Amino acid sequence: MRFIALRMLLHDRAKYLGILFGITFASLLITQQASIFCGLMTRTFGFITDTGLPDVWVMDPKVQFVDDVKPLQDTELLRVRGVEGVEWATPLYKGMLKARLDDGSYQTCIVIGLDDSTLVGGPPEMVEGSLADLRRADGVIVDAFGAAGKLARPPAVKGAKPRPLGVGDTIELNDHRAVVVGTCRVSRTFQSNPVVYTTYSRATTFAPQERKLLSFVLAKAKPGVAPADLAARIQRATGLAAYTHEGFRDLTMLYFMRYTGIPINFGIAVILGFIVGTAIAGQTFYNFTLENLPHFGALKAMGATNGTLVRMIFLQAALVGSIGYGLGVGGAAIFGAVTKGTEVAFRLPWWLLLITAGAIAIICLVAAILSMIRVIRLEPAVVFRS
């Protein structure tokens, strides 16, 4: 009976391809849009992920996400260091400064100021130079993508490609001279702005003069002290907000989920893909069943039970569902590979494949149930009608 079910399905090529197209389209759209959504959400806390050494981030209580910097007084660093359970604590500057390019245009950059003595919070991977080179006069480290893109020098010959910013080149940051001593590889930012690392003292010199310039305090827990417990101690002792690495990441992601239109926009696209896939696959599969009612009637007349016919329909739905799921997910993966290294944010975690599989299973189940009801109600005498 399984062989007969597959012959019935594959014999009508037009219906078979129609069902396959609907499921493939749904799988592709759900996976692609959800992957872009995951990529965008990952970019919102990319800086937190790159700064993995500290256990606790200390900040102003009104901070809502990682880019919502509300500066602290420098004395807060000493207060954090005095909390029991803190092994070390270092200052961190994070701000948006304008870089003046050779052609006179300006580009906004994310400037990160690291503790002068320890350089805690530096980039996760160096491409050229070393982190210690930041101690050179006017030294800065630029992320490789920004150096080759928005900060690239104009071509010497008209029509040629821009030259990536390299070691030894100079840029102006807020009218201050800065010398590139290295390039690094960091997570892409949500705004896709270039990232520039330097020392804390130099960053506060580059920044406009304000009374408060300390963006965050990075703290490490002593051995045996849980980061969550240390964060609670710092909050009680200083009155500042203190989050663990995971807590600050979740705070940032929840802000974008709650106060931006990103979840709604991508959610609509995913729901649309699910509805369209269900409509195409369900209607086509139902029409396929209607055209094959005489065959199902003949099988009933020969003694096939309703249970046998239902299993045949589920086998047909499972086949097209599996193939369509594979084609859709494969297409989304190809899209991610093609757009890798571009402005497109694409991240395909393993659990997203399970979510897509569940959505496709529901689509196939709905299509199978619609067809199954008609077959169960079918009278065997239909095969003898002229």
Protein backbone atom coordinates (compact mmCIF):
# COMPACT_ATOMS: atom_id res chain seq x y z
CA MET A 1 0.00 0.00 0.00
CA ARG A 2 2.91 2.35 0.60
CA PHE A 3 4.09 1.75 -2.95
CA ILE A 4 0.62 2.53 -4.29
CA ALA A 5 0.46 5.74 -2.23
CA LEU A 6 3.78 6.93 -3.64
CA ARG A 7 2.76 6.01 -7.20
CA MET A 8 -0.44 8.01 -6.81
CA LEU A 9 1.52 11.02 -5.54
CA LEU A 10 4.31 10.97 -8.12
CA HIS A 11 2.08 10.11 -11.05
CA ASP A 12 0.45 13.56 -11.08
CA ARG A 13 3.60 15.63 -11.56
CA ALA A 14 1.79 18.99 -11.68
CA LYS A 15 0.04 18.47 -8.34
CA TYR A 16 3.15 16.98 -6.78
CA LEU A 17 5.32 19.94 -7.80
CA GLY A 18 2.63 22.36 -6.67
CA ILE A 19 2.53 20.87 -3.18
CA LEU A 20 6.32 20.76 -3.10
CA PHE A 21 6.56 24.41 -4.15
CA GLY A 22 4.20 25.56 -1.39
CA ILE A 23 6.09 23.73 1.35
CA THR A 24 9.49 24.77 -0.01
CA PHE A 25 8.41 28.41 -0.17
CA ALA A 26 7.12 28.30 3.39
CA SER A 27 10.27 26.60 4.68
CA LEU A 28 12.53 29.05 2.84
CA LEU A 29 10.69 32.18 3.97
CA ILE A 30 10.34 31.09 7.59
CA THR A 31 14.01 30.07 7.88
CA GLN A 32 15.40 33.07 6.01
CA GLN A 33 13.41 35.74 7.82
CA ALA A 34 13.90 34.13 11.22
CA SER A 35 17.66 33.84 10.55
CA ILE A 36 17.90 37.52 9.62
CA PHE A 37 15.97 38.38 12.77
CA CYS A 38 18.41 36.28 14.85
CA GLY A 39 21.32 37.98 13.10
CA LEU A 40 19.99 41.44 13.90
CA MET A 41 19.34 40.53 17.52
CA THR A 42 22.87 39.11 17.80
CA ARG A 43 24.30 42.38 16.51
CA THR A 44 22.55 44.35 19.23
CA PHE A 45 24.71 42.71 21.92
CA GLY A 46 27.76 41.90 19.78
CA PHE A 47 29.99 44.21 21.82
CA ILE A 48 29.00 42.41 25.03
CA THR A 49 29.82 39.06 23.44
CA ASP A 50 33.23 40.33 22.30
CA THR A 51 34.03 41.58 25.82
CA GLY A 52 33.93 38.20 27.50
CA LEU A 53 36.56 38.53 30.25
CA PRO A 54 34.61 40.48 32.94
CA ASP A 55 31.87 38.75 34.91
CA VAL A 56 29.86 41.86 35.83
CA TRP A 57 29.02 45.09 34.01
CA VAL A 58 28.37 48.08 36.28
CA MET A 59 26.52 51.14 34.95
CA ASP A 60 24.04 53.89 35.67
CA PRO A 61 20.67 52.47 36.83
CA LYS A 62 18.88 54.21 33.93
CA VAL A 63 20.85 52.38 31.21
CA GLN A 64 18.45 50.36 29.04
CA PHE A 65 20.84 48.68 26.56
CA VAL A 66 24.51 48.58 25.70
CA ASP A 67 24.47 51.68 23.47
CA ASP A 68 22.40 53.71 25.95
CA VAL A 69 25.47 55.10 27.70
CA LYS A 70 24.88 57.31 30.73
CA PRO A 71 28.33 58.30 32.06
CA LEU A 72 29.41 57.87 35.66
CA GLN A 73 31.87 59.77 37.82
CA ASP A 74 35.37 58.28 37.90
CA THR A 75 35.06 57.79 41.66
CA GLU A 76 32.51 55.03 41.06
CA LEU A 77 35.37 52.82 39.90
CA LEU A 78 36.96 52.98 43.36
CA ARG A 79 33.63 52.19 45.02
CA VAL A 80 33.21 49.07 42.90
CA ARG A 81 36.75 47.95 43.67
CA GLY A 82 35.95 48.18 47.36
CA VAL A 83 33.03 45.73 47.20
CA GLU A 84 33.74 42.36 48.80
CA GLY A 85 34.19 39.61 46.19
CA VAL A 86 35.63 41.84 43.44
CA GLU A 87 38.97 40.51 42.19
CA TRP A 88 39.55 43.48 39.88
CA ALA A 89 37.58 46.28 38.25
CA THR A 90 38.55 48.41 35.26
CA PRO A 91 37.06 51.46 33.53
CA LEU A 92 35.59 51.36 30.03
CA TYR A 93 34.71 54.24 27.74
CA LYS A 94 32.19 53.75 24.94
CA GLY A 95 31.07 56.62 22.76
CA MET A 96 30.22 57.78 19.26
CA LEU A 97 32.84 60.08 17.73
CA LYS A 98 33.23 61.46 14.21
CA ALA A 99 36.24 60.51 12.13
CA ARG A 100 37.31 62.91 9.39
CA LEU A 101 38.29 61.13 6.18
CA ASP A 102 40.81 62.20 3.55
CA ASP A 103 38.11 63.47 1.20
CA GLY A 104 36.75 65.77 3.89
CA SER A 105 33.71 63.69 4.72
CA TYR A 106 32.88 62.45 8.20
CA GLN A 107 32.08 58.97 9.47
CA THR A 108 30.64 58.20 12.89
CA CYS A 109 32.67 55.57 14.74
CA ILE A 110 32.18 53.62 17.94
CA VAL A 111 35.21 54.45 20.09
CA ILE A 112 36.11 52.04 22.89
CA GLY A 113 38.53 53.17 25.60
CA LEU A 114 40.30 50.35 27.48
CA ASP A 115 42.00 50.47 30.85
CA ASP A 116 45.51 51.84 30.24
CA SER A 117 47.33 49.29 32.40
CA THR A 118 45.45 46.04 31.68
CA LEU A 119 43.69 46.74 28.34
CA VAL A 120 40.76 44.64 29.56
CA GLY A 121 37.86 44.63 27.09
CA GLY A 122 39.98 44.53 23.96
CA PRO A 123 38.94 43.00 20.64
CA PRO A 124 38.54 39.20 20.56
CA GLU A 125 40.78 38.67 17.50
CA MET A 126 43.65 40.71 16.08
CA VAL A 127 44.29 40.74 12.33
CA GLU A 128 47.33 43.03 12.26
CA GLY A 129 49.46 44.27 15.13
CA SER A 130 48.92 43.45 18.80
CA LEU A 131 46.75 44.82 21.57
CA ALA A 132 49.83 46.11 23.42
CA ASP A 133 50.52 48.47 20.50
CA LEU A 134 47.74 50.69 21.85
CA ARG A 135 50.30 52.03 24.31
CA ARG A 136 52.09 53.74 21.42
CA ALA A 137 51.55 57.48 21.03
CA ASP A 138 48.10 58.25 19.56
CA GLY A 139 47.59 54.54 18.84
CA VAL A 140 44.21 53.12 17.82
CA ILE A 141 43.04 49.72 16.54
CA VAL A 142 40.33 49.68 13.87
CA ASP A 143 38.04 46.77 13.05
CA ALA A 144 38.95 45.17 9.71
CA PHE A 145 35.50 45.53 8.16
CA GLY A 146 35.33 49.24 8.92
CA ALA A 147 38.93 49.75 7.77
CA ALA A 148 38.11 48.18 4.40
CA GLY A 149 34.71 49.83 4.11
CA LYS A 150 33.53 53.10 5.59
CA LEU A 151 37.00 54.22 6.72
CA ALA A 152 38.83 53.16 3.55
CA ARG A 153 40.97 55.79 1.87
CA PRO A 154 39.81 57.11 -1.52
CA PRO A 155 41.56 55.55 -4.55
CA ALA A 156 44.60 57.29 -5.97
CA VAL A 157 43.28 56.73 -9.49
CA LYS A 158 39.72 57.56 -10.42
CA GLY A 159 37.66 54.42 -10.87
CA ALA A 160 39.96 52.23 -8.77
CA LYS A 161 38.93 50.54 -5.54
CA PRO A 162 39.37 52.40 -2.24
CA ARG A 163 42.45 51.43 -0.24
CA PRO A 164 41.72 49.83 3.15
CA LEU A 165 42.95 51.73 6.18
CA GLY A 166 46.14 50.00 7.34
CA VAL A 167 48.79 50.08 10.02
CA GLY A 168 50.66 53.37 9.95
CA ASP A 169 47.79 55.40 8.51
CA THR A 170 46.41 58.36 10.45
CA ILE A 171 42.85 59.51 10.99
CA GLU A 172 41.22 62.39 12.82
CA LEU A 173 38.88 61.60 15.68
CA ASN A 174 37.01 64.66 16.88
CA ASP A 175 39.88 66.85 15.56
CA HIS A 176 42.52 64.72 17.32
CA ARG A 177 45.24 62.84 15.48
CA ALA A 178 45.13 59.04 15.78
CA VAL A 179 47.59 56.53 14.34
CA VAL A 180 46.38 53.07 13.30
CA VAL A 181 48.61 50.50 15.03
CA GLY A 182 46.52 47.42 14.23
CA THR A 183 43.31 45.98 12.84
CA CYS A 184 40.98 43.53 14.53
CA ARG A 185 37.96 41.38 13.84
CA VAL A 186 34.86 42.07 15.95
CA SER A 187 31.16 41.27 15.79
CA ARG A 188 29.23 43.52 13.45
CA THR A 189 27.35 46.29 15.22
CA PHE A 190 23.64 46.99 14.88
CA GLN A 191 24.31 50.29 13.07
CA SER A 192 27.28 48.79 11.15
CA ASN A 193 29.52 51.64 12.32
CA PRO A 194 33.31 51.15 12.38
CA VAL A 195 34.73 50.23 15.80
CA VAL A 196 37.88 51.94 17.06
CA TYR A 197 39.78 50.77 20.16
CA THR A 198 42.19 52.92 22.14
CA THR A 199 43.21 53.46 25.76
CA TYR A 200 40.82 54.95 28.29
CA SER A 201 42.88 58.09 28.88
CA ARG A 202 43.23 58.71 25.13
CA ALA A 203 39.53 58.06 24.49
CA THR A 204 38.54 60.63 27.11
CA THR A 205 40.88 63.07 25.39
CA PHE A 206 39.27 62.39 22.03
CA ALA A 207 35.75 62.74 23.47
CA PRO A 208 34.09 66.13 24.02
CA GLN A 209 34.92 67.41 27.47
CA GLU A 210 32.25 66.52 30.00
CA ARG A 211 32.12 66.20 33.76
CA LYS A 212 31.40 62.46 33.52
CA LEU A 213 33.10 60.20 30.97
CA LEU A 214 33.14 56.74 32.59
CA SER A 215 30.71 54.59 30.58
CA PHE A 216 31.00 51.22 32.35
CA VAL A 217 32.95 49.50 35.07
CA LEU A 218 34.03 45.94 34.21
CA ALA A 219 34.43 43.69 37.26
CA LYS A 220 35.77 40.19 37.77
CA ALA A 221 34.53 37.96 40.59
CA LYS A 222 36.97 36.29 42.94
CA PRO A 223 37.24 32.48 42.73
CA GLY A 224 34.26 30.90 44.46
CA VAL A 225 32.02 33.97 44.07
CA ALA A 226 29.13 33.60 41.63
CA PRO A 227 28.79 36.51 39.17
CA ALA A 228 25.09 36.91 40.03
CA ASP A 229 25.93 37.20 43.74
CA LEU A 230 28.66 39.72 43.01
CA ALA A 231 26.28 41.80 40.89
CA ALA A 232 23.78 41.86 43.76
CA ARG A 233 26.51 42.94 46.20
CA ILE A 234 27.64 45.77 43.93
CA GLN A 235 24.06 47.02 43.55
CA ARG A 236 23.53 47.05 47.32
CA ALA A 237 26.86 48.71 48.07
CA THR A 238 26.94 51.36 45.33
CA GLY A 239 23.35 51.88 44.22
CA LEU A 240 24.45 51.35 40.63
CA ALA A 241 23.04 48.81 38.20
CA ALA A 242 25.15 45.66 37.91
CA TYR A 243 24.47 42.85 35.46
CA THR A 244 26.18 39.60 34.69
CA HIS A 245 27.46 39.02 31.18
CA GLU A 246 24.29 37.12 30.28
CA GLY A 247 22.03 39.54 32.14
CA PHE A 248 23.32 42.58 30.27
CA ARG A 249 22.99 40.73 26.98
CA ASP A 250 19.38 39.82 27.74
CA LEU A 251 18.62 43.39 28.86
CA THR A 252 19.88 44.73 25.53
CA MET A 253 18.01 42.18 23.45
CA LEU A 254 14.75 42.70 25.35
CA TYR A 255 14.97 46.45 24.79
CA PHE A 256 15.08 46.00 21.01
CA MET A 257 12.37 43.37 21.19
CA ARG A 258 10.08 45.62 23.22
CA TYR A 259 10.70 49.12 21.87
CA THR A 260 11.51 48.63 18.18
CA GLY A 261 9.48 47.35 15.24
CA ILE A 262 11.96 44.61 14.38
CA PRO A 263 10.05 41.67 15.95
CA ILE A 264 6.74 42.80 14.43
CA ASN A 265 8.15 43.24 10.93
CA PHE A 266 9.93 39.91 10.83
CA GLY A 267 7.10 38.18 12.68
CA ILE A 268 4.67 39.29 9.96
CA ALA A 269 6.97 37.89 7.29
CA VAL A 270 7.27 34.54 9.09
CA ILE A 271 3.51 34.31 9.66
CA LEU A 272 2.88 35.24 6.03
CA GLY A 273 5.18 32.45 4.88
CA PHE A 274 3.36 29.99 7.13
CA ILE A 275 -0.09 31.06 5.89
CA VAL A 276 0.90 31.06 2.22
CA GLY A 277 2.58 27.68 2.56
CA THR A 278 -0.47 26.24 4.31
CA ALA A 279 -2.82 27.66 1.70
CA ILE A 280 -0.84 26.43 -1.31
CA ALA A 281 0.05 23.02 0.10
CA GLY A 282 -3.36 22.44 1.68
CA GLN A 283 -5.39 23.41 -1.38
CA THR A 284 -3.17 21.55 -3.82
CA PHE A 285 -3.07 18.43 -1.66
CA TYR A 286 -6.86 18.55 -1.24
CA ASN A 287 -7.36 18.87 -5.02
CA PHE A 288 -4.95 15.99 -5.50
CA THR A 289 -7.07 13.87 -3.15
CA LEU A 290 -10.30 14.83 -4.96
CA GLU A 291 -8.86 13.71 -8.28
CA ASN A 292 -7.81 10.40 -6.75
CA LEU A 293 -11.09 9.67 -4.99
CA PRO A 294 -11.99 6.92 -7.51
CA HIS A 295 -8.71 5.17 -6.68
CA PHE A 296 -9.34 5.44 -2.95
CA GLY A 297 -12.89 4.18 -3.57
CA ALA A 298 -11.55 1.18 -5.47
CA LEU A 299 -9.16 0.39 -2.62
CA LYS A 300 -12.05 0.60 -0.15
CA ALA A 301 -14.15 -1.69 -2.34
CA MET A 302 -11.30 -4.22 -2.32
CA GLY A 303 -11.26 -4.24 1.49
CA ALA A 304 -8.83 -1.45 2.45
CA THR A 305 -9.77 0.05 5.81
CA ASN A 306 -9.97 3.73 6.65
CA GLY A 307 -6.87 3.34 8.79
CA THR A 308 -4.91 2.05 5.79
CA LEU A 309 -6.03 4.95 3.59
CA VAL A 310 -5.21 7.47 6.32
CA ARG A 311 -1.71 6.05 6.61
CA MET A 312 -1.32 6.36 2.83
CA ILE A 313 -2.29 10.04 2.97
CA PHE A 314 0.09 10.71 5.88
CA LEU A 315 2.89 8.98 3.97
CA GLN A 316 2.29 11.24 0.97
CA ALA A 317 2.24 14.33 3.18
CA ALA A 318 5.39 13.24 5.01
CA LEU A 319 7.27 12.71 1.74
CA VAL A 320 6.51 16.11 0.24
CA GLY A 321 7.01 17.73 3.65
CA SER A 322 10.48 16.24 4.10
CA ILE A 323 11.61 17.15 0.60
CA GLY A 324 10.13 20.65 0.79
CA TYR A 325 11.68 21.25 4.20
CA GLY A 326 15.09 20.18 2.97
CA LEU A 327 14.89 22.35 -0.15
CA GLY A 328 13.69 25.39 1.81
CA VAL A 329 16.27 25.13 4.57
CA GLY A 330 18.97 24.44 2.00
CA GLY A 331 17.96 27.54 0.04
CA ALA A 332 18.08 29.65 3.19
CA ALA A 333 21.54 28.27 4.04
CA ILE A 334 22.76 29.12 0.53
CA PHE A 335 21.37 32.64 0.93
CA GLY A 336 23.30 32.97 4.18
CA ALA A 337 26.52 31.75 2.56
CA VAL A 338 26.15 34.14 -0.38
CA THR A 339 25.48 37.17 1.85
CA LYS A 340 28.23 36.35 4.34
CA GLY A 341 30.47 39.34 4.94
CA THR A 342 27.87 41.83 3.67
CA GLU A 343 25.53 44.18 5.49
CA VAL A 344 22.91 41.43 5.65
CA ALA A 345 22.59 40.05 9.18
CA PHE A 346 22.13 36.27 8.92
CA ARG A 347 22.48 33.74 11.71
CA LEU A 348 21.08 30.20 11.48
CA PRO A 349 21.23 28.48 14.89
CA TRP A 350 20.42 24.79 15.19
CA TRP A 351 17.22 25.34 17.16
CA LEU A 352 15.79 27.45 14.34
CA LEU A 353 15.88 24.35 12.13
CA LEU A 354 13.70 22.58 14.69
CA ILE A 355 11.21 25.48 14.71
CA THR A 356 11.00 25.41 10.93
CA ALA A 357 10.56 21.64 10.99
CA GLY A 358 7.69 22.04 13.45
CA ALA A 359 6.01 24.67 11.26
CA ILE A 360 6.32 22.47 8.16
CA ALA A 361 4.97 19.50 10.11
CA ILE A 362 1.89 21.56 11.03
CA ILE A 363 1.40 22.60 7.40
CA CYS A 364 1.60 18.98 6.23
CA LEU A 365 -0.67 17.83 9.05
CA VAL A 366 -3.34 20.39 8.10
CA ALA A 367 -3.12 19.40 4.44
CA ALA A 368 -3.35 15.70 5.34
CA ILE A 369 -6.34 16.18 7.67
CA LEU A 370 -8.30 18.09 5.01
CA SER A 371 -7.77 15.24 2.57
CA MET A 372 -8.25 12.53 5.19
CA ILE A 373 -11.75 13.74 6.12
CA ARG A 374 -12.92 13.44 2.53
CA VAL A 375 -11.45 9.97 2.12
CA ILE A 376 -12.97 8.65 5.36
CA ARG A 377 -16.41 9.83 4.27
CA LEU A 378 -16.00 8.27 0.85
CA GLU A 379 -18.40 5.47 -0.10
CA PRO A 380 -16.87 2.54 -2.02
CA ALA A 381 -19.78 2.65 -4.49
CA VAL A 382 -18.34 5.85 -5.99
CA VAL A 383 -15.99 3.69 -8.06
CA PHE A 384 -18.93 2.08 -9.88
CA ARG A 385 -20.55 5.35 -10.91
CA SER A 386 -20.30 6.23 -14.56
